[in-house]
Amino acid sequence: APHLSFLLLGVFLLGVSWIYTRFRDAI
């Protein structure tokens, strides 16, 4: 279970950084 939660946390953090980079000007 912790391994799955860390994997999901990593995917979440990558997604947030991608969204911030992609929509930086709009944000």
mmCIF file of all heavy atoms, coordinates in Angstrom:
data_MODEL
# 
_entry.id   MODEL 
# 
loop_
_atom_site.group_PDB 
_atom_site.id 
_atom_site.type_symbol 
_atom_site.label_atom_id 
_atom_site.label_alt_id 
_atom_site.label_comp_id 
_atom_site.label_asym_id 
_atom_site.label_entity_id 
_atom_site.label_seq_id 
_atom_site.pdbx_PDB_ins_code 
_atom_site.Cartn_x 
_atom_site.Cartn_y 
_atom_site.Cartn_z 
_atom_site.occupancy 
_atom_site.B_iso_or_equiv 
_atom_site.pdbx_formal_charge 
_atom_site.auth_seq_id 
_atom_site.auth_comp_id 
_atom_site.auth_asym_id 
_atom_site.auth_atom_id 
_atom_site.pdbx_PDB_model_num 
ATOM 1   N N   . ALA A 1 1  ? 0.808  -1.227 0.000   1.00 0.00 ? 1  ALA A N   1 
ATOM 2   C CA  . ALA A 1 1  ? 0.000  0.000  0.000   1.00 0.00 ? 1  ALA A CA  1 
ATOM 3   C C   . ALA A 1 1  ? 0.840  1.276  0.000   1.00 0.00 ? 1  ALA A C   1 
ATOM 4   O O   . ALA A 1 1  ? 0.540  2.203  -0.754  1.00 0.00 ? 1  ALA A O   1 
ATOM 5   C CB  . ALA A 1 1  ? -0.963 -0.017 1.175   1.00 0.00 ? 1  ALA A CB  1 
ATOM 6   N N   . PRO A 1 2  ? 1.900  1.380  0.817   1.00 0.00 ? 2  PRO A N   1 
ATOM 7   C CA  . PRO A 1 2  ? 2.698  2.614  0.764   1.00 0.00 ? 2  PRO A CA  1 
ATOM 8   C C   . PRO A 1 2  ? 3.368  2.829  -0.586  1.00 0.00 ? 2  PRO A C   1 
ATOM 9   O O   . PRO A 1 2  ? 3.490  3.964  -1.041  1.00 0.00 ? 2  PRO A O   1 
ATOM 10  C CB  . PRO A 1 2  ? 3.747  2.434  1.856   1.00 0.00 ? 2  PRO A CB  1 
ATOM 11  C CG  . PRO A 1 2  ? 3.196  1.416  2.752   1.00 0.00 ? 2  PRO A CG  1 
ATOM 12  C CD  . PRO A 1 2  ? 2.338  0.534  1.915   1.00 0.00 ? 2  PRO A CD  1 
ATOM 13  N N   . HIS A 1 3  ? 3.767  1.762  -1.224  1.00 0.00 ? 3  HIS A N   1 
ATOM 14  C CA  . HIS A 1 3  ? 4.411  1.896  -2.524  1.00 0.00 ? 3  HIS A CA  1 
ATOM 15  C C   . HIS A 1 3  ? 3.425  2.465  -3.547  1.00 0.00 ? 3  HIS A C   1 
ATOM 16  O O   . HIS A 1 3  ? 3.779  3.328  -4.345  1.00 0.00 ? 3  HIS A O   1 
ATOM 17  C CB  . HIS A 1 3  ? 4.966  0.561  -2.993  1.00 0.00 ? 3  HIS A CB  1 
ATOM 18  C CG  . HIS A 1 3  ? 5.970  -0.022 -2.060  1.00 0.00 ? 3  HIS A CG  1 
ATOM 19  N ND1 . HIS A 1 3  ? 7.207  0.548  -1.859  1.00 0.00 ? 3  HIS A ND1 1 
ATOM 20  C CD2 . HIS A 1 3  ? 5.912  -1.098 -1.245  1.00 0.00 ? 3  HIS A CD2 1 
ATOM 21  C CE1 . HIS A 1 3  ? 7.880  -0.165 -0.971  1.00 0.00 ? 3  HIS A CE1 1 
ATOM 22  N NE2 . HIS A 1 3  ? 7.105  -1.166 -0.578  1.00 0.00 ? 3  HIS A NE2 1 
ATOM 23  N N   . LEU A 1 4  ? 2.196  2.008  -3.496  1.00 0.00 ? 4  LEU A N   1 
ATOM 24  C CA  . LEU A 1 4  ? 1.173  2.527  -4.387  1.00 0.00 ? 4  LEU A CA  1 
ATOM 25  C C   . LEU A 1 4  ? 0.861  3.987  -4.064  1.00 0.00 ? 4  LEU A C   1 
ATOM 26  O O   . LEU A 1 4  ? 0.715  4.813  -4.965  1.00 0.00 ? 4  LEU A O   1 
ATOM 27  C CB  . LEU A 1 4  ? -0.097 1.682  -4.284  1.00 0.00 ? 4  LEU A CB  1 
ATOM 28  C CG  . LEU A 1 4  ? -1.254 2.099  -5.174  1.00 0.00 ? 4  LEU A CG  1 
ATOM 29  C CD1 . LEU A 1 4  ? -0.859 1.995  -6.635  1.00 0.00 ? 4  LEU A CD1 1 
ATOM 30  C CD2 . LEU A 1 4  ? -2.465 1.243  -4.886  1.00 0.00 ? 4  LEU A CD2 1 
ATOM 31  N N   . SER A 1 5  ? 0.808  4.318  -2.784  1.00 0.00 ? 5  SER A N   1 
ATOM 32  C CA  . SER A 1 5  ? 0.518  5.706  -2.414  1.00 0.00 ? 5  SER A CA  1 
ATOM 33  C C   . SER A 1 5  ? 1.656  6.636  -2.822  1.00 0.00 ? 5  SER A C   1 
ATOM 34  O O   . SER A 1 5  ? 1.409  7.765  -3.255  1.00 0.00 ? 5  SER A O   1 
ATOM 35  C CB  . SER A 1 5  ? 0.235  5.820  -0.917  1.00 0.00 ? 5  SER A CB  1 
ATOM 36  O OG  . SER A 1 5  ? 1.385  5.567  -0.164  1.00 0.00 ? 5  SER A OG  1 
ATOM 37  N N   . PHE A 1 6  ? 2.906  6.193  -2.715  1.00 0.00 ? 6  PHE A N   1 
ATOM 38  C CA  . PHE A 1 6  ? 4.028  7.015  -3.162  1.00 0.00 ? 6  PHE A CA  1 
ATOM 39  C C   . PHE A 1 6  ? 4.010  7.194  -4.672  1.00 0.00 ? 6  PHE A C   1 
ATOM 40  O O   . PHE A 1 6  ? 4.326  8.254  -5.188  1.00 0.00 ? 6  PHE A O   1 
ATOM 41  C CB  . PHE A 1 6  ? 5.353  6.434  -2.720  1.00 0.00 ? 6  PHE A CB  1 
ATOM 42  C CG  . PHE A 1 6  ? 5.589  6.536  -1.248  1.00 0.00 ? 6  PHE A CG  1 
ATOM 43  C CD1 . PHE A 1 6  ? 6.037  5.450  -0.541  1.00 0.00 ? 6  PHE A CD1 1 
ATOM 44  C CD2 . PHE A 1 6  ? 5.355  7.714  -0.575  1.00 0.00 ? 6  PHE A CD2 1 
ATOM 45  C CE1 . PHE A 1 6  ? 6.246  5.532  0.822   1.00 0.00 ? 6  PHE A CE1 1 
ATOM 46  C CE2 . PHE A 1 6  ? 5.556  7.811  0.783   1.00 0.00 ? 6  PHE A CE2 1 
ATOM 47  C CZ  . PHE A 1 6  ? 6.004  6.716  1.481   1.00 0.00 ? 6  PHE A CZ  1 
ATOM 48  N N   . LEU A 1 7  ? 3.644  6.141  -5.381  1.00 0.00 ? 7  LEU A N   1 
ATOM 49  C CA  . LEU A 1 7  ? 3.533  6.236  -6.828  1.00 0.00 ? 7  LEU A CA  1 
ATOM 50  C C   . LEU A 1 7  ? 2.453  7.248  -7.217  1.00 0.00 ? 7  LEU A C   1 
ATOM 51  O O   . LEU A 1 7  ? 2.669  8.107  -8.081  1.00 0.00 ? 7  LEU A O   1 
ATOM 52  C CB  . LEU A 1 7  ? 3.223  4.864  -7.427  1.00 0.00 ? 7  LEU A CB  1 
ATOM 53  C CG  . LEU A 1 7  ? 3.101  4.800  -8.932  1.00 0.00 ? 7  LEU A CG  1 
ATOM 54  C CD1 . LEU A 1 7  ? 4.451  5.091  -9.574  1.00 0.00 ? 7  LEU A CD1 1 
ATOM 55  C CD2 . LEU A 1 7  ? 2.600  3.445  -9.347  1.00 0.00 ? 7  LEU A CD2 1 
ATOM 56  N N   . LEU A 1 8  ? 1.307  7.177  -6.564  1.00 0.00 ? 8  LEU A N   1 
ATOM 57  C CA  . LEU A 1 8  ? 0.232  8.129  -6.840  1.00 0.00 ? 8  LEU A CA  1 
ATOM 58  C C   . LEU A 1 8  ? 0.619  9.550  -6.438  1.00 0.00 ? 8  LEU A C   1 
ATOM 59  O O   . LEU A 1 8  ? 0.268  10.508 -7.130  1.00 0.00 ? 8  LEU A O   1 
ATOM 60  C CB  . LEU A 1 8  ? -1.047 7.696  -6.129  1.00 0.00 ? 8  LEU A CB  1 
ATOM 61  C CG  . LEU A 1 8  ? -1.688 6.431  -6.670  1.00 0.00 ? 8  LEU A CG  1 
ATOM 62  C CD1 . LEU A 1 8  ? -2.881 6.024  -5.810  1.00 0.00 ? 8  LEU A CD1 1 
ATOM 63  C CD2 . LEU A 1 8  ? -2.102 6.613  -8.105  1.00 0.00 ? 8  LEU A CD2 1 
ATOM 64  N N   . LEU A 1 9  ? 1.330  9.702  -5.338  1.00 0.00 ? 9  LEU A N   1 
ATOM 65  C CA  . LEU A 1 9  ? 1.802  11.019 -4.925  1.00 0.00 ? 9  LEU A CA  1 
ATOM 66  C C   . LEU A 1 9  ? 2.761  11.589 -5.966  1.00 0.00 ? 9  LEU A C   1 
ATOM 67  O O   . LEU A 1 9  ? 2.682  12.767 -6.320  1.00 0.00 ? 9  LEU A O   1 
ATOM 68  C CB  . LEU A 1 9  ? 2.490  10.940 -3.566  1.00 0.00 ? 9  LEU A CB  1 
ATOM 69  C CG  . LEU A 1 9  ? 3.098  12.241 -3.049  1.00 0.00 ? 9  LEU A CG  1 
ATOM 70  C CD1 . LEU A 1 9  ? 2.017  13.278 -2.790  1.00 0.00 ? 9  LEU A CD1 1 
ATOM 71  C CD2 . LEU A 1 9  ? 3.904  11.981 -1.794  1.00 0.00 ? 9  LEU A CD2 1 
ATOM 72  N N   . GLY A 1 10 ? 3.650  10.762 -6.480  1.00 0.00 ? 10 GLY A N   1 
ATOM 73  C CA  . GLY A 1 10 ? 4.576  11.214 -7.517  1.00 0.00 ? 10 GLY A CA  1 
ATOM 74  C C   . GLY A 1 10 ? 3.857  11.637 -8.784  1.00 0.00 ? 10 GLY A C   1 
ATOM 75  O O   . GLY A 1 10 ? 4.178  12.667 -9.382  1.00 0.00 ? 10 GLY A O   1 
ATOM 76  N N   . VAL A 1 11 ? 2.862  10.860 -9.191  1.00 0.00 ? 11 VAL A N   1 
ATOM 77  C CA  . VAL A 1 11 ? 2.077  11.218 -10.371 1.00 0.00 ? 11 VAL A CA  1 
ATOM 78  C C   . VAL A 1 11 ? 1.332  12.532 -10.128 1.00 0.00 ? 11 VAL A C   1 
ATOM 79  O O   . VAL A 1 11 ? 1.278  13.401 -11.001 1.00 0.00 ? 11 VAL A O   1 
ATOM 80  C CB  . VAL A 1 11 ? 1.102  10.077 -10.730 1.00 0.00 ? 11 VAL A CB  1 
ATOM 81  C CG1 . VAL A 1 11 ? 0.080  10.520 -11.761 1.00 0.00 ? 11 VAL A CG1 1 
ATOM 82  C CG2 . VAL A 1 11 ? 1.871  8.870  -11.227 1.00 0.00 ? 11 VAL A CG2 1 
ATOM 83  N N   . PHE A 1 12 ? 0.780  12.695 -8.929  1.00 0.00 ? 12 PHE A N   1 
ATOM 84  C CA  . PHE A 1 12 ? 0.081  13.925 -8.584  1.00 0.00 ? 12 PHE A CA  1 
ATOM 85  C C   . PHE A 1 12 ? 1.022  15.126 -8.628  1.00 0.00 ? 12 PHE A C   1 
ATOM 86  O O   . PHE A 1 12 ? 0.699  16.171 -9.206  1.00 0.00 ? 12 PHE A O   1 
ATOM 87  C CB  . PHE A 1 12 ? -0.554 13.802 -7.203  1.00 0.00 ? 12 PHE A CB  1 
ATOM 88  C CG  . PHE A 1 12 ? -1.180 15.066 -6.705  1.00 0.00 ? 12 PHE A CG  1 
ATOM 89  C CD1 . PHE A 1 12 ? -2.377 15.511 -7.223  1.00 0.00 ? 12 PHE A CD1 1 
ATOM 90  C CD2 . PHE A 1 12 ? -0.558 15.815 -5.721  1.00 0.00 ? 12 PHE A CD2 1 
ATOM 91  C CE1 . PHE A 1 12 ? -2.950 16.689 -6.782  1.00 0.00 ? 12 PHE A CE1 1 
ATOM 92  C CE2 . PHE A 1 12 ? -1.122 16.992 -5.259  1.00 0.00 ? 12 PHE A CE2 1 
ATOM 93  C CZ  . PHE A 1 12 ? -2.321 17.425 -5.797  1.00 0.00 ? 12 PHE A CZ  1 
ATOM 94  N N   . LEU A 1 13 ? 2.203  15.000 -8.047  1.00 0.00 ? 13 LEU A N   1 
ATOM 95  C CA  . LEU A 1 13 ? 3.160  16.110 -8.038  1.00 0.00 ? 13 LEU A CA  1 
ATOM 96  C C   . LEU A 1 13 ? 3.658  16.440 -9.441  1.00 0.00 ? 13 LEU A C   1 
ATOM 97  O O   . LEU A 1 13 ? 3.822  17.611 -9.790  1.00 0.00 ? 13 LEU A O   1 
ATOM 98  C CB  . LEU A 1 13 ? 4.339  15.788 -7.115  1.00 0.00 ? 13 LEU A CB  1 
ATOM 99  C CG  . LEU A 1 13 ? 4.016  15.733 -5.626  1.00 0.00 ? 13 LEU A CG  1 
ATOM 100 C CD1 . LEU A 1 13 ? 5.230  15.251 -4.841  1.00 0.00 ? 13 LEU A CD1 1 
ATOM 101 C CD2 . LEU A 1 13 ? 3.550  17.079 -5.122  1.00 0.00 ? 13 LEU A CD2 1 
ATOM 102 N N   . LEU A 1 14 ? 3.866  15.421 -10.266 1.00 0.00 ? 14 LEU A N   1 
ATOM 103 C CA  . LEU A 1 14 ? 4.253  15.676 -11.654 1.00 0.00 ? 14 LEU A CA  1 
ATOM 104 C C   . LEU A 1 14 ? 3.132  16.382 -12.405 1.00 0.00 ? 14 LEU A C   1 
ATOM 105 O O   . LEU A 1 14 ? 3.375  17.286 -13.203 1.00 0.00 ? 14 LEU A O   1 
ATOM 106 C CB  . LEU A 1 14 ? 4.619  14.370 -12.354 1.00 0.00 ? 14 LEU A CB  1 
ATOM 107 C CG  . LEU A 1 14 ? 5.963  13.779 -11.989 1.00 0.00 ? 14 LEU A CG  1 
ATOM 108 C CD1 . LEU A 1 14 ? 6.119  12.394 -12.618 1.00 0.00 ? 14 LEU A CD1 1 
ATOM 109 C CD2 . LEU A 1 14 ? 7.084  14.686 -12.445 1.00 0.00 ? 14 LEU A CD2 1 
ATOM 110 N N   . GLY A 1 15 ? 1.900  15.978 -12.152 1.00 0.00 ? 15 GLY A N   1 
ATOM 111 C CA  . GLY A 1 15 ? 0.761  16.623 -12.800 1.00 0.00 ? 15 GLY A CA  1 
ATOM 112 C C   . GLY A 1 15 ? 0.623  18.081 -12.399 1.00 0.00 ? 15 GLY A C   1 
ATOM 113 O O   . GLY A 1 15 ? 0.373  18.948 -13.246 1.00 0.00 ? 15 GLY A O   1 
ATOM 114 N N   . VAL A 1 16 ? 0.793  18.370 -11.115 1.00 0.00 ? 16 VAL A N   1 
ATOM 115 C CA  . VAL A 1 16 ? 0.712  19.754 -10.649 1.00 0.00 ? 16 VAL A CA  1 
ATOM 116 C C   . VAL A 1 16 ? 1.817  20.594 -11.270 1.00 0.00 ? 16 VAL A C   1 
ATOM 117 O O   . VAL A 1 16 ? 1.580  21.715 -11.721 1.00 0.00 ? 16 VAL A O   1 
ATOM 118 C CB  . VAL A 1 16 ? 0.765  19.806 -9.109  1.00 0.00 ? 16 VAL A CB  1 
ATOM 119 C CG1 . VAL A 1 16 ? 0.977  21.224 -8.615  1.00 0.00 ? 16 VAL A CG1 1 
ATOM 120 C CG2 . VAL A 1 16 ? -0.505 19.222 -8.520  1.00 0.00 ? 16 VAL A CG2 1 
ATOM 121 N N   . SER A 1 17 ? 3.021  20.062 -11.339 1.00 0.00 ? 17 SER A N   1 
ATOM 122 C CA  . SER A 1 17 ? 4.116  20.838 -11.933 1.00 0.00 ? 17 SER A CA  1 
ATOM 123 C C   . SER A 1 17 ? 3.896  21.029 -13.430 1.00 0.00 ? 17 SER A C   1 
ATOM 124 O O   . SER A 1 17 ? 4.204  22.099 -13.976 1.00 0.00 ? 17 SER A O   1 
ATOM 125 C CB  . SER A 1 17 ? 5.456  20.167 -11.668 1.00 0.00 ? 17 SER A CB  1 
ATOM 126 O OG  . SER A 1 17 ? 5.536  18.941 -12.351 1.00 0.00 ? 17 SER A OG  1 
ATOM 127 N N   . TRP A 1 18 ? 3.344  20.031 -14.114 1.00 0.00 ? 18 TRP A N   1 
ATOM 128 C CA  . TRP A 1 18 ? 3.053  20.173 -15.543 1.00 0.00 ? 18 TRP A CA  1 
ATOM 129 C C   . TRP A 1 18 ? 1.981  21.235 -15.766 1.00 0.00 ? 18 TRP A C   1 
ATOM 130 O O   . TRP A 1 18 ? 2.116  22.090 -16.650 1.00 0.00 ? 18 TRP A O   1 
ATOM 131 C CB  . TRP A 1 18 ? 2.603  18.835 -16.125 1.00 0.00 ? 18 TRP A CB  1 
ATOM 132 C CG  . TRP A 1 18 ? 2.256  18.945 -17.578 1.00 0.00 ? 18 TRP A CG  1 
ATOM 133 C CD1 . TRP A 1 18 ? 3.121  18.980 -18.627 1.00 0.00 ? 18 TRP A CD1 1 
ATOM 134 C CD2 . TRP A 1 18 ? 0.946  19.080 -18.133 1.00 0.00 ? 18 TRP A CD2 1 
ATOM 135 N NE1 . TRP A 1 18 ? 2.424  19.114 -19.808 1.00 0.00 ? 18 TRP A NE1 1 
ATOM 136 C CE2 . TRP A 1 18 ? 1.091  19.166 -19.526 1.00 0.00 ? 18 TRP A CE2 1 
ATOM 137 C CE3 . TRP A 1 18 ? -0.326 19.112 -17.582 1.00 0.00 ? 18 TRP A CE3 1 
ATOM 138 C CZ2 . TRP A 1 18 ? -0.001 19.304 -20.370 1.00 0.00 ? 18 TRP A CZ2 1 
ATOM 139 C CZ3 . TRP A 1 18 ? -1.409 19.247 -18.438 1.00 0.00 ? 18 TRP A CZ3 1 
ATOM 140 C CH2 . TRP A 1 18 ? -1.240 19.342 -19.808 1.00 0.00 ? 18 TRP A CH2 1 
ATOM 141 N N   . ILE A 1 19 ? 0.921  21.209 -14.953 1.00 0.00 ? 19 ILE A N   1 
ATOM 142 C CA  . ILE A 1 19 ? -0.149 22.201 -15.081 1.00 0.00 ? 19 ILE A CA  1 
ATOM 143 C C   . ILE A 1 19 ? 0.394  23.598 -14.821 1.00 0.00 ? 19 ILE A C   1 
ATOM 144 O O   . ILE A 1 19 ? 0.082  24.539 -15.548 1.00 0.00 ? 19 ILE A O   1 
ATOM 145 C CB  . ILE A 1 19 ? -1.314 21.862 -14.120 1.00 0.00 ? 19 ILE A CB  1 
ATOM 146 C CG1 . ILE A 1 19 ? -2.062 20.636 -14.632 1.00 0.00 ? 19 ILE A CG1 1 
ATOM 147 C CG2 . ILE A 1 19 ? -2.270 23.040 -13.964 1.00 0.00 ? 19 ILE A CG2 1 
ATOM 148 C CD1 . ILE A 1 19 ? -3.077 20.096 -13.659 1.00 0.00 ? 19 ILE A CD1 1 
ATOM 149 N N   . TYR A 1 20 ? 1.212  23.742 -13.797 1.00 0.00 ? 20 TYR A N   1 
ATOM 150 C CA  . TYR A 1 20 ? 1.785  25.061 -13.495 1.00 0.00 ? 20 TYR A CA  1 
ATOM 151 C C   . TYR A 1 20 ? 2.665  25.553 -14.631 1.00 0.00 ? 20 TYR A C   1 
ATOM 152 O O   . TYR A 1 20 ? 2.610  26.713 -15.019 1.00 0.00 ? 20 TYR A O   1 
ATOM 153 C CB  . TYR A 1 20 ? 2.583  25.020 -12.198 1.00 0.00 ? 20 TYR A CB  1 
ATOM 154 C CG  . TYR A 1 20 ? 3.236  26.340 -11.892 1.00 0.00 ? 20 TYR A CG  1 
ATOM 155 C CD1 . TYR A 1 20 ? 2.482  27.430 -11.477 1.00 0.00 ? 20 TYR A CD1 1 
ATOM 156 C CD2 . TYR A 1 20 ? 4.602  26.516 -12.054 1.00 0.00 ? 20 TYR A CD2 1 
ATOM 157 C CE1 . TYR A 1 20 ? 3.075  28.654 -11.223 1.00 0.00 ? 20 TYR A CE1 1 
ATOM 158 C CE2 . TYR A 1 20 ? 5.191  27.736 -11.803 1.00 0.00 ? 20 TYR A CE2 1 
ATOM 159 C CZ  . TYR A 1 20 ? 4.430  28.793 -11.385 1.00 0.00 ? 20 TYR A CZ  1 
ATOM 160 O OH  . TYR A 1 20 ? 5.016  30.001 -11.147 1.00 0.00 ? 20 TYR A OH  1 
ATOM 161 N N   . THR A 1 21 ? 3.471  24.666 -15.198 1.00 0.00 ? 21 THR A N   1 
ATOM 162 C CA  . THR A 1 21 ? 4.358  25.065 -16.290 1.00 0.00 ? 21 THR A CA  1 
ATOM 163 C C   . THR A 1 21 ? 3.562  25.402 -17.548 1.00 0.00 ? 21 THR A C   1 
ATOM 164 O O   . THR A 1 21 ? 3.844  26.380 -18.225 1.00 0.00 ? 21 THR A O   1 
ATOM 165 C CB  . THR A 1 21 ? 5.371  23.941 -16.590 1.00 0.00 ? 21 THR A CB  1 
ATOM 166 O OG1 . THR A 1 21 ? 6.089  23.651 -15.404 1.00 0.00 ? 21 THR A OG1 1 
ATOM 167 C CG2 . THR A 1 21 ? 6.335  24.355 -17.676 1.00 0.00 ? 21 THR A CG2 1 
ATOM 168 N N   . ARG A 1 22 ? 2.571  24.602 -17.839 1.00 0.00 ? 22 ARG A N   1 
ATOM 169 C CA  . ARG A 1 22 ? 1.794  24.796 -19.062 1.00 0.00 ? 22 ARG A CA  1 
ATOM 170 C C   . ARG A 1 22 ? 0.935  26.050 -19.002 1.00 0.00 ? 22 ARG A C   1 
ATOM 171 O O   . ARG A 1 22 ? 0.807  26.767 -19.987 1.00 0.00 ? 22 ARG A O   1 
ATOM 172 C CB  . ARG A 1 22 ? 0.917  23.575 -19.299 1.00 0.00 ? 22 ARG A CB  1 
ATOM 173 C CG  . ARG A 1 22 ? -0.008 23.688 -20.466 1.00 0.00 ? 22 ARG A CG  1 
ATOM 174 C CD  . ARG A 1 22 ? 0.186  22.550 -21.414 1.00 0.00 ? 22 ARG A CD  1 
ATOM 175 N NE  . ARG A 1 22 ? -0.889 22.477 -22.364 1.00 0.00 ? 22 ARG A NE  1 
ATOM 176 C CZ  . ARG A 1 22 ? -0.800 22.983 -23.589 1.00 0.00 ? 22 ARG A CZ  1 
ATOM 177 N NH1 . ARG A 1 22 ? 0.305  23.562 -23.955 1.00 0.00 ? 22 ARG A NH1 1 
ATOM 178 N NH2 . ARG A 1 22 ? -1.805 22.880 -24.415 1.00 0.00 ? 22 ARG A NH2 1 
ATOM 179 N N   . PHE A 1 23 ? 0.310  26.303 -17.866 1.00 0.00 ? 23 PHE A N   1 
ATOM 180 C CA  . PHE A 1 23 ? -0.624 27.418 -17.735 1.00 0.00 ? 23 PHE A CA  1 
ATOM 181 C C   . PHE A 1 23 ? -0.077 28.525 -16.832 1.00 0.00 ? 23 PHE A C   1 
ATOM 182 O O   . PHE A 1 23 ? -0.837 29.203 -16.151 1.00 0.00 ? 23 PHE A O   1 
ATOM 183 C CB  . PHE A 1 23 ? -1.956 26.907 -17.188 1.00 0.00 ? 23 PHE A CB  1 
ATOM 184 C CG  . PHE A 1 23 ? -2.588 25.863 -18.059 1.00 0.00 ? 23 PHE A CG  1 
ATOM 185 C CD1 . PHE A 1 23 ? -2.598 24.536 -17.669 1.00 0.00 ? 23 PHE A CD1 1 
ATOM 186 C CD2 . PHE A 1 23 ? -3.153 26.200 -19.272 1.00 0.00 ? 23 PHE A CD2 1 
ATOM 187 C CE1 . PHE A 1 23 ? -3.165 23.569 -18.461 1.00 0.00 ? 23 PHE A CE1 1 
ATOM 188 C CE2 . PHE A 1 23 ? -3.724 25.236 -20.081 1.00 0.00 ? 23 PHE A CE2 1 
ATOM 189 C CZ  . PHE A 1 23 ? -3.733 23.910 -19.678 1.00 0.00 ? 23 PHE A CZ  1 
ATOM 190 N N   . ARG A 1 24 ? 1.219  28.715 -16.836 1.00 0.00 ? 24 ARG A N   1 
ATOM 191 C CA  . ARG A 1 24 ? 1.869  29.679 -15.960 1.00 0.00 ? 24 ARG A CA  1 
ATOM 192 C C   . ARG A 1 24 ? 1.321  31.094 -16.146 1.00 0.00 ? 24 ARG A C   1 
ATOM 193 O O   . ARG A 1 24 ? 1.032  31.792 -15.187 1.00 0.00 ? 24 ARG A O   1 
ATOM 194 C CB  . ARG A 1 24 ? 3.365  29.659 -16.195 1.00 0.00 ? 24 ARG A CB  1 
ATOM 195 C CG  . ARG A 1 24 ? 4.138  30.584 -15.305 1.00 0.00 ? 24 ARG A CG  1 
ATOM 196 C CD  . ARG A 1 24 ? 5.612  30.545 -15.590 1.00 0.00 ? 24 ARG A CD  1 
ATOM 197 N NE  . ARG A 1 24 ? 6.050  29.181 -15.848 1.00 0.00 ? 24 ARG A NE  1 
ATOM 198 C CZ  . ARG A 1 24 ? 7.178  28.866 -16.441 1.00 0.00 ? 24 ARG A CZ  1 
ATOM 199 N NH1 . ARG A 1 24 ? 7.998  29.804 -16.826 1.00 0.00 ? 24 ARG A NH1 1 
ATOM 200 N NH2 . ARG A 1 24 ? 7.503  27.615 -16.654 1.00 0.00 ? 24 ARG A NH2 1 
ATOM 201 N N   . ASP A 1 25 ? 1.182  31.524 -17.400 1.00 0.00 ? 25 ASP A N   1 
ATOM 202 C CA  . ASP A 1 25 ? 0.716  32.893 -17.645 1.00 0.00 ? 25 ASP A CA  1 
ATOM 203 C C   . ASP A 1 25 ? -0.732 33.076 -17.179 1.00 0.00 ? 25 ASP A C   1 
ATOM 204 O O   . ASP A 1 25 ? -1.071 34.112 -16.590 1.00 0.00 ? 25 ASP A O   1 
ATOM 205 C CB  . ASP A 1 25 ? 0.852  33.235 -19.124 1.00 0.00 ? 25 ASP A CB  1 
ATOM 206 C CG  . ASP A 1 25 ? 2.305  33.260 -19.558 1.00 0.00 ? 25 ASP A CG  1 
ATOM 207 O OD1 . ASP A 1 25 ? 3.169  33.559 -18.711 1.00 0.00 ? 25 ASP A OD1 1 
ATOM 208 O OD2 . ASP A 1 25 ? 2.582  32.957 -20.742 1.00 0.00 ? 25 ASP A OD2 1 
ATOM 209 N N   . ALA A 1 26 ? -1.581 32.108 -17.432 1.00 0.00 ? 26 ALA A N   1 
ATOM 210 C CA  . ALA A 1 26 ? -2.976 32.217 -17.006 1.00 0.00 ? 26 ALA A CA  1 
ATOM 211 C C   . ALA A 1 26 ? -3.079 32.212 -15.489 1.00 0.00 ? 26 ALA A C   1 
ATOM 212 O O   . ALA A 1 26 ? -3.891 32.950 -14.910 1.00 0.00 ? 26 ALA A O   1 
ATOM 213 C CB  . ALA A 1 26 ? -3.793 31.065 -17.593 1.00 0.00 ? 26 ALA A CB  1 
ATOM 214 N N   . ILE A 1 27 ? -2.255 31.425 -14.828 1.00 0.00 ? 27 ILE A N   1 
ATOM 215 C CA  . ILE A 1 27 ? -2.263 31.385 -13.353 1.00 0.00 ? 27 ILE A CA  1 
ATOM 216 C C   . ILE A 1 27 ? -1.789 32.710 -12.806 1.00 0.00 ? 27 ILE A C   1 
ATOM 217 O O   . ILE A 1 27 ? -2.354 33.229 -11.835 1.00 0.00 ? 27 ILE A O   1 
ATOM 218 C CB  . ILE A 1 27 ? -1.407 30.210 -12.846 1.00 0.00 ? 27 ILE A CB  1 
ATOM 219 C CG1 . ILE A 1 27 ? -2.064 28.886 -13.198 1.00 0.00 ? 27 ILE A CG1 1 
ATOM 220 C CG2 . ILE A 1 27 ? -1.197 30.306 -11.340 1.00 0.00 ? 27 ILE A CG2 1 
ATOM 221 C CD1 . ILE A 1 27 ? -1.200 27.678 -12.942 1.00 0.00 ? 27 ILE A CD1 1 
# 
